[in-house]
């Protein structure tokens, strides 16, 4: 468990072993800086890199994957079950591969080979 500050000024304790995804907050989540998905969603005022570093202390399998606009989203590599080529209609936007996590398909800017290599390095 680790404690972080929410956008409401409260402190939330997050079970780091349950974290699935960490990313920068989007405009509709502001003034939060970071979003953490860990079974529930927590919107945090802590900087993204600080949160990622804390999560990695408990879960070193969390890796940064380029999912768009030159930004990384951090996923638990152990939760990624399959890697696929990007869907054809997504290729025009620069996506080169995709993966399944929690039943959802996430497109990435990495090639299939790059993504598989990244995952293999962090699943052990």
N, C-alpha and C. Protein backbone atom coordinates (compact mmCIF):
# COMPACT_ATOMS: atom_id res chain seq x y z
N UNK A 1 0.84 -1.19 0.00
CA UNK A 1 0.00 0.00 0.00
C UNK A 1 0.88 1.24 0.00
N UNK A 2 0.39 2.25 -0.68
CA UNK A 2 1.07 3.55 -0.69
C UNK A 2 -0.01 4.62 -0.66
N UNK A 3 0.34 5.76 -0.10
CA UNK A 3 -0.62 6.86 0.01
C UNK A 3 -0.30 7.96 -0.99
N UNK A 4 -1.36 8.50 -1.58
CA UNK A 4 -1.26 9.56 -2.57
C UNK A 4 -2.33 10.60 -2.29
N UNK A 5 -2.16 11.79 -2.88
CA UNK A 5 -3.14 12.87 -2.69
C UNK A 5 -4.11 12.87 -3.87
N UNK A 6 -5.42 12.88 -3.56
CA UNK A 6 -6.43 12.91 -4.61
C UNK A 6 -6.68 14.35 -5.05
N UNK A 7 -7.40 14.49 -6.15
CA UNK A 7 -7.71 15.84 -6.66
C UNK A 7 -8.66 16.58 -5.72
N UNK A 8 -9.30 15.85 -4.81
CA UNK A 8 -10.19 16.46 -3.82
C UNK A 8 -9.46 16.87 -2.55
N UNK A 9 -8.13 16.68 -2.52
CA UNK A 9 -7.35 17.04 -1.35
C UNK A 9 -7.29 15.97 -0.28
N UNK A 10 -7.90 14.84 -0.54
CA UNK A 10 -7.89 13.71 0.39
C UNK A 10 -6.65 12.86 0.16
N UNK A 11 -6.40 11.96 1.08
CA UNK A 11 -5.33 10.97 0.91
C UNK A 11 -5.97 9.63 0.64
N UNK A 12 -5.46 8.93 -0.36
CA UNK A 12 -5.98 7.61 -0.70
C UNK A 12 -4.83 6.61 -0.58
N UNK A 13 -5.13 5.46 -0.01
CA UNK A 13 -4.16 4.36 0.04
C UNK A 13 -4.48 3.41 -1.09
N UNK A 14 -3.48 3.12 -1.91
CA UNK A 14 -3.66 2.26 -3.07
C UNK A 14 -2.86 0.98 -2.86
N UNK A 15 -3.52 -0.14 -3.11
CA UNK A 15 -2.84 -1.44 -3.08
C UNK A 15 -2.05 -1.56 -4.38
N UNK A 16 -0.76 -1.32 -4.30
CA UNK A 16 0.08 -1.27 -5.50
C UNK A 16 0.12 -2.60 -6.23
N UNK A 17 -0.10 -3.70 -5.53
CA UNK A 17 -0.09 -5.01 -6.19
C UNK A 17 -1.29 -5.18 -7.12
N UNK A 18 -2.30 -4.33 -6.98
CA UNK A 18 -3.50 -4.42 -7.80
C UNK A 18 -3.50 -3.46 -8.99
N UNK A 19 -2.46 -2.65 -9.12
CA UNK A 19 -2.43 -1.64 -10.19
C UNK A 19 -2.33 -2.32 -11.56
N UNK A 20 -3.18 -1.87 -12.47
CA UNK A 20 -3.24 -2.39 -13.83
C UNK A 20 -2.69 -1.37 -14.82
N UNK A 21 -3.03 -0.07 -14.59
CA UNK A 21 -2.62 0.98 -15.52
C UNK A 21 -2.39 2.28 -14.77
N UNK A 22 -1.40 3.05 -15.24
CA UNK A 22 -1.12 4.38 -14.73
C UNK A 22 -0.89 5.27 -15.95
N UNK A 23 -1.56 6.43 -15.97
CA UNK A 23 -1.37 7.34 -17.08
C UNK A 23 -1.58 8.78 -16.62
N UNK A 24 -1.14 9.72 -17.48
CA UNK A 24 -1.39 11.13 -17.20
C UNK A 24 -2.90 11.37 -17.27
N UNK A 25 -3.37 12.23 -16.41
CA UNK A 25 -4.79 12.58 -16.42
C UNK A 25 -5.11 13.33 -17.72
N UNK A 26 -6.30 13.10 -18.25
CA UNK A 26 -6.75 13.83 -19.44
C UNK A 26 -7.54 15.06 -18.99
N UNK A 27 -7.89 15.91 -19.94
CA UNK A 27 -8.49 17.20 -19.59
C UNK A 27 -9.74 17.08 -18.73
N UNK A 28 -10.57 16.09 -18.97
CA UNK A 28 -11.79 15.93 -18.17
C UNK A 28 -11.51 15.46 -16.74
N UNK A 29 -10.29 15.04 -16.47
CA UNK A 29 -9.91 14.57 -15.13
C UNK A 29 -9.13 15.62 -14.34
N UNK A 30 -8.86 16.76 -14.96
CA UNK A 30 -8.12 17.83 -14.31
C UNK A 30 -8.92 18.37 -13.13
N UNK A 31 -8.31 18.87 -12.09
CA UNK A 31 -6.90 19.23 -11.98
C UNK A 31 -5.97 18.08 -11.62
N UNK A 32 -6.48 16.85 -11.60
CA UNK A 32 -5.60 15.71 -11.31
C UNK A 32 -4.47 15.66 -12.32
N UNK A 33 -3.34 15.10 -11.90
CA UNK A 33 -2.19 14.95 -12.78
C UNK A 33 -2.05 13.52 -13.29
N UNK A 34 -2.54 12.56 -12.49
CA UNK A 34 -2.31 11.14 -12.78
C UNK A 34 -3.57 10.34 -12.50
N UNK A 35 -3.81 9.36 -13.36
CA UNK A 35 -4.92 8.41 -13.15
C UNK A 35 -4.32 7.03 -12.90
N UNK A 36 -4.82 6.36 -11.87
CA UNK A 36 -4.40 4.99 -11.56
C UNK A 36 -5.62 4.10 -11.58
N UNK A 37 -5.54 3.03 -12.38
CA UNK A 37 -6.59 2.02 -12.43
C UNK A 37 -6.10 0.81 -11.65
N UNK A 38 -6.81 0.48 -10.59
CA UNK A 38 -6.41 -0.65 -9.73
C UNK A 38 -7.63 -1.39 -9.20
N UNK A 39 -8.60 -1.59 -10.09
CA UNK A 39 -9.88 -2.17 -9.67
C UNK A 39 -10.89 -1.07 -9.48
N UNK A 40 -10.43 0.06 -9.00
CA UNK A 40 -11.19 1.31 -8.99
C UNK A 40 -10.29 2.36 -9.64
N UNK A 41 -10.83 3.50 -9.89
CA UNK A 41 -10.05 4.58 -10.51
C UNK A 41 -9.71 5.61 -9.44
N UNK A 42 -8.43 5.99 -9.38
CA UNK A 42 -8.01 7.06 -8.48
C UNK A 42 -7.37 8.17 -9.31
N UNK A 43 -7.87 9.38 -9.12
CA UNK A 43 -7.32 10.56 -9.78
C UNK A 43 -6.45 11.29 -8.76
N UNK A 44 -5.18 11.40 -9.08
CA UNK A 44 -4.18 11.87 -8.11
C UNK A 44 -3.56 13.20 -8.50
N UNK A 45 -3.14 13.95 -7.50
CA UNK A 45 -2.43 15.20 -7.71
C UNK A 45 -0.92 14.98 -7.82
N UNK A 46 -0.46 13.79 -7.54
CA UNK A 46 0.96 13.47 -7.63
C UNK A 46 1.38 13.40 -9.10
N UNK A 47 2.65 13.74 -9.36
CA UNK A 47 3.19 13.66 -10.71
C UNK A 47 3.21 12.23 -11.21
N UNK A 48 3.02 12.06 -12.51
CA UNK A 48 2.99 10.74 -13.13
C UNK A 48 4.23 9.92 -12.80
N UNK A 49 5.41 10.48 -12.99
CA UNK A 49 6.64 9.70 -12.79
C UNK A 49 6.80 9.28 -11.33
N UNK A 50 6.39 10.13 -10.40
CA UNK A 50 6.45 9.76 -8.98
C UNK A 50 5.55 8.55 -8.71
N UNK A 51 4.34 8.57 -9.25
CA UNK A 51 3.41 7.46 -9.04
C UNK A 51 3.96 6.19 -9.68
N UNK A 52 4.45 6.29 -10.91
CA UNK A 52 5.02 5.12 -11.59
C UNK A 52 6.17 4.54 -10.78
N UNK A 53 7.05 5.39 -10.28
CA UNK A 53 8.19 4.91 -9.49
C UNK A 53 7.72 4.19 -8.23
N UNK A 54 6.69 4.70 -7.58
CA UNK A 54 6.15 4.05 -6.39
C UNK A 54 5.54 2.69 -6.73
N UNK A 55 4.78 2.64 -7.81
CA UNK A 55 4.16 1.38 -8.23
C UNK A 55 5.22 0.35 -8.56
N UNK A 56 6.26 0.76 -9.26
CA UNK A 56 7.32 -0.18 -9.67
C UNK A 56 8.08 -0.77 -8.48
N UNK A 57 8.08 -0.10 -7.35
CA UNK A 57 8.72 -0.67 -6.15
C UNK A 57 8.03 -1.98 -5.76
N UNK A 58 6.74 -2.02 -5.94
CA UNK A 58 5.93 -3.21 -5.61
C UNK A 58 5.75 -4.12 -6.82
N UNK A 59 5.69 -3.50 -7.99
CA UNK A 59 5.34 -4.22 -9.21
C UNK A 59 6.29 -3.82 -10.34
N UNK A 60 7.48 -4.41 -10.38
CA UNK A 60 8.45 -4.04 -11.41
C UNK A 60 8.03 -4.44 -12.82
N UNK A 61 6.94 -5.17 -12.94
CA UNK A 61 6.43 -5.58 -14.26
C UNK A 61 5.65 -4.46 -14.94
N UNK A 62 5.53 -3.30 -14.32
CA UNK A 62 4.84 -2.17 -14.94
C UNK A 62 5.78 -1.49 -15.93
N UNK A 63 5.32 -1.41 -17.20
CA UNK A 63 6.16 -0.84 -18.26
C UNK A 63 5.43 0.27 -19.00
N UNK A 64 6.22 1.20 -19.56
CA UNK A 64 5.66 2.29 -20.35
C UNK A 64 5.49 1.87 -21.79
N UNK A 65 4.30 2.05 -22.32
CA UNK A 65 3.98 1.70 -23.70
C UNK A 65 3.44 2.95 -24.40
N UNK A 66 3.98 3.25 -25.57
CA UNK A 66 3.52 4.42 -26.33
C UNK A 66 2.18 4.10 -26.97
N UNK A 67 1.16 4.79 -26.49
CA UNK A 67 -0.19 4.52 -26.99
C UNK A 67 -0.76 5.67 -27.80
N UNK A 68 -0.02 6.74 -27.94
CA UNK A 68 -0.50 7.85 -28.76
C UNK A 68 0.07 9.17 -28.33
N UNK A 69 0.14 10.08 -29.28
CA UNK A 69 0.60 11.45 -29.04
C UNK A 69 1.91 11.51 -28.27
N UNK A 70 2.80 10.59 -28.55
CA UNK A 70 4.13 10.56 -27.93
C UNK A 70 4.09 10.49 -26.41
N UNK A 71 3.00 10.01 -25.87
CA UNK A 71 2.88 9.84 -24.42
C UNK A 71 2.88 8.36 -24.10
N UNK A 72 3.45 8.04 -22.95
CA UNK A 72 3.43 6.66 -22.50
C UNK A 72 2.34 6.46 -21.47
N UNK A 73 1.74 5.30 -21.55
CA UNK A 73 0.83 4.83 -20.53
C UNK A 73 1.50 3.60 -19.94
N UNK A 74 1.39 3.43 -18.65
CA UNK A 74 2.09 2.35 -17.95
C UNK A 74 1.11 1.24 -17.62
N UNK A 75 1.46 0.03 -18.06
CA UNK A 75 0.62 -1.14 -17.86
C UNK A 75 1.41 -2.22 -17.14
N UNK A 76 0.70 -3.09 -16.42
CA UNK A 76 1.33 -4.27 -15.84
C UNK A 76 1.52 -5.29 -16.96
N UNK A 77 2.77 -5.54 -17.34
CA UNK A 77 3.08 -6.46 -18.44
C UNK A 77 2.48 -7.83 -18.20
N UNK A 78 2.39 -8.23 -16.94
CA UNK A 78 1.84 -9.56 -16.64
C UNK A 78 0.35 -9.65 -16.93
N UNK A 79 -0.33 -8.51 -17.04
CA UNK A 79 -1.76 -8.50 -17.33
C UNK A 79 -2.07 -8.52 -18.82
N UNK A 80 -1.04 -8.35 -19.65
CA UNK A 80 -1.24 -8.33 -21.10
C UNK A 80 -1.20 -9.76 -21.60
N UNK A 81 -2.29 -10.21 -22.15
CA UNK A 81 -2.44 -11.62 -22.50
C UNK A 81 -2.14 -11.96 -23.95
N UNK A 82 -2.25 -11.00 -24.86
CA UNK A 82 -2.02 -11.30 -26.27
C UNK A 82 -1.61 -10.03 -27.00
N UNK A 83 -0.78 -10.18 -28.04
CA UNK A 83 -0.33 -9.06 -28.87
C UNK A 83 -0.78 -9.34 -30.30
N UNK A 84 -1.29 -8.28 -30.96
CA UNK A 84 -1.82 -8.40 -32.31
C UNK A 84 -1.30 -7.25 -33.17
N UNK A 85 -1.39 -7.39 -34.49
CA UNK A 85 -1.16 -6.23 -35.36
C UNK A 85 -2.26 -5.20 -35.09
N UNK A 86 -2.01 -3.96 -35.44
CA UNK A 86 -3.05 -2.94 -35.32
C UNK A 86 -4.17 -3.25 -36.29
N UNK A 87 -5.37 -2.85 -35.93
CA UNK A 87 -6.49 -2.98 -36.87
C UNK A 87 -6.21 -2.06 -38.06
N UNK A 88 -6.56 -2.48 -39.26
CA UNK A 88 -6.23 -1.70 -40.45
C UNK A 88 -6.66 -0.22 -40.38
N UNK A 89 -7.83 0.05 -39.86
CA UNK A 89 -8.29 1.45 -39.80
C UNK A 89 -7.51 2.28 -38.77
N UNK A 90 -6.75 1.66 -37.90
CA UNK A 90 -5.94 2.38 -36.91
C UNK A 90 -4.54 2.68 -37.43
N UNK A 91 -4.11 1.97 -38.47
CA UNK A 91 -2.77 2.18 -39.02
C UNK A 91 -2.59 3.59 -39.56
N UNK A 92 -3.65 4.18 -40.11
CA UNK A 92 -3.55 5.54 -40.65
C UNK A 92 -3.25 6.57 -39.57
N UNK A 93 -3.45 6.21 -38.32
CA UNK A 93 -3.16 7.11 -37.20
C UNK A 93 -1.79 6.81 -36.58
N UNK A 94 -1.04 5.92 -37.21
CA UNK A 94 0.31 5.61 -36.75
C UNK A 94 0.40 4.45 -35.78
N UNK A 95 -0.71 3.75 -35.54
CA UNK A 95 -0.67 2.60 -34.64
C UNK A 95 -0.12 1.39 -35.40
N UNK A 96 0.75 0.62 -34.71
CA UNK A 96 1.43 -0.50 -35.37
C UNK A 96 1.12 -1.85 -34.73
N UNK A 97 0.60 -1.84 -33.53
CA UNK A 97 0.27 -3.09 -32.85
C UNK A 97 -0.84 -2.82 -31.85
N UNK A 98 -1.30 -3.88 -31.24
CA UNK A 98 -2.32 -3.75 -30.19
C UNK A 98 -2.17 -4.93 -29.24
N UNK A 99 -2.79 -4.80 -28.08
CA UNK A 99 -2.76 -5.90 -27.12
C UNK A 99 -4.07 -5.94 -26.36
N UNK A 100 -4.31 -7.07 -25.74
CA UNK A 100 -5.51 -7.25 -24.93
C UNK A 100 -5.13 -7.18 -23.46
N UNK A 101 -5.89 -6.40 -22.74
CA UNK A 101 -5.75 -6.33 -21.28
C UNK A 101 -7.14 -6.13 -20.71
N UNK A 102 -7.51 -6.96 -19.76
CA UNK A 102 -8.84 -6.91 -19.14
C UNK A 102 -9.95 -6.99 -20.18
N UNK A 103 -9.70 -7.72 -21.26
CA UNK A 103 -10.71 -7.90 -22.28
C UNK A 103 -10.82 -6.76 -23.28
N UNK A 104 -10.02 -5.72 -23.12
CA UNK A 104 -10.07 -4.57 -24.03
C UNK A 104 -8.85 -4.57 -24.93
N UNK A 105 -9.00 -4.02 -26.12
CA UNK A 105 -7.90 -3.92 -27.07
C UNK A 105 -7.31 -2.51 -26.99
N UNK A 106 -6.00 -2.43 -26.77
CA UNK A 106 -5.29 -1.16 -26.68
C UNK A 106 -4.29 -1.08 -27.83
N UNK A 107 -4.38 -0.05 -28.67
CA UNK A 107 -3.44 0.12 -29.78
C UNK A 107 -2.18 0.85 -29.31
N UNK A 108 -1.06 0.53 -29.97
CA UNK A 108 0.22 1.13 -29.59
C UNK A 108 0.99 1.60 -30.81
N UNK A 109 1.99 2.43 -30.58
CA UNK A 109 2.87 2.92 -31.64
C UNK A 109 4.04 1.97 -31.89
N UNK A 110 4.19 0.94 -31.08
CA UNK A 110 5.28 -0.03 -31.22
C UNK A 110 4.93 -1.08 -32.27
N UNK A 111 5.96 -1.64 -32.92
CA UNK A 111 5.71 -2.77 -33.81
C UNK A 111 5.34 -3.98 -32.95
N UNK A 112 4.76 -4.98 -33.58
CA UNK A 112 4.41 -6.21 -32.86
C UNK A 112 5.66 -6.80 -32.23
N UNK A 113 6.76 -6.84 -32.96
CA UNK A 113 8.01 -7.42 -32.46
C UNK A 113 8.56 -6.63 -31.27
N UNK A 114 8.53 -5.29 -31.37
CA UNK A 114 9.00 -4.45 -30.26
C UNK A 114 8.17 -4.69 -29.01
N UNK A 115 6.86 -4.72 -29.19
CA UNK A 115 5.97 -4.91 -28.04
C UNK A 115 6.19 -6.27 -27.40
N UNK A 116 6.29 -7.32 -28.21
CA UNK A 116 6.53 -8.65 -27.65
C UNK A 116 7.85 -8.69 -26.89
N UNK A 117 8.87 -8.05 -27.41
CA UNK A 117 10.18 -8.01 -26.75
C UNK A 117 10.09 -7.27 -25.42
N UNK A 118 9.41 -6.14 -25.41
CA UNK A 118 9.24 -5.37 -24.17
C UNK A 118 8.53 -6.19 -23.11
N UNK A 119 7.47 -6.87 -23.52
CA UNK A 119 6.70 -7.67 -22.58
C UNK A 119 7.51 -8.84 -22.04
N UNK A 120 8.23 -9.52 -22.92
CA UNK A 120 9.03 -10.67 -22.50
C UNK A 120 10.06 -10.27 -21.46
N UNK A 121 10.62 -9.09 -21.60
CA UNK A 121 11.65 -8.61 -20.67
C UNK A 121 11.09 -8.30 -19.28
N UNK A 122 9.78 -8.10 -19.19
CA UNK A 122 9.19 -7.70 -17.91
C UNK A 122 8.21 -8.70 -17.31
N UNK A 123 8.02 -9.82 -17.94
CA UNK A 123 7.09 -10.82 -17.41
C UNK A 123 7.75 -11.82 -16.50
N UNK A 124 9.06 -11.80 -16.40
CA UNK A 124 9.76 -12.78 -15.57
C UNK A 124 9.75 -12.37 -14.12
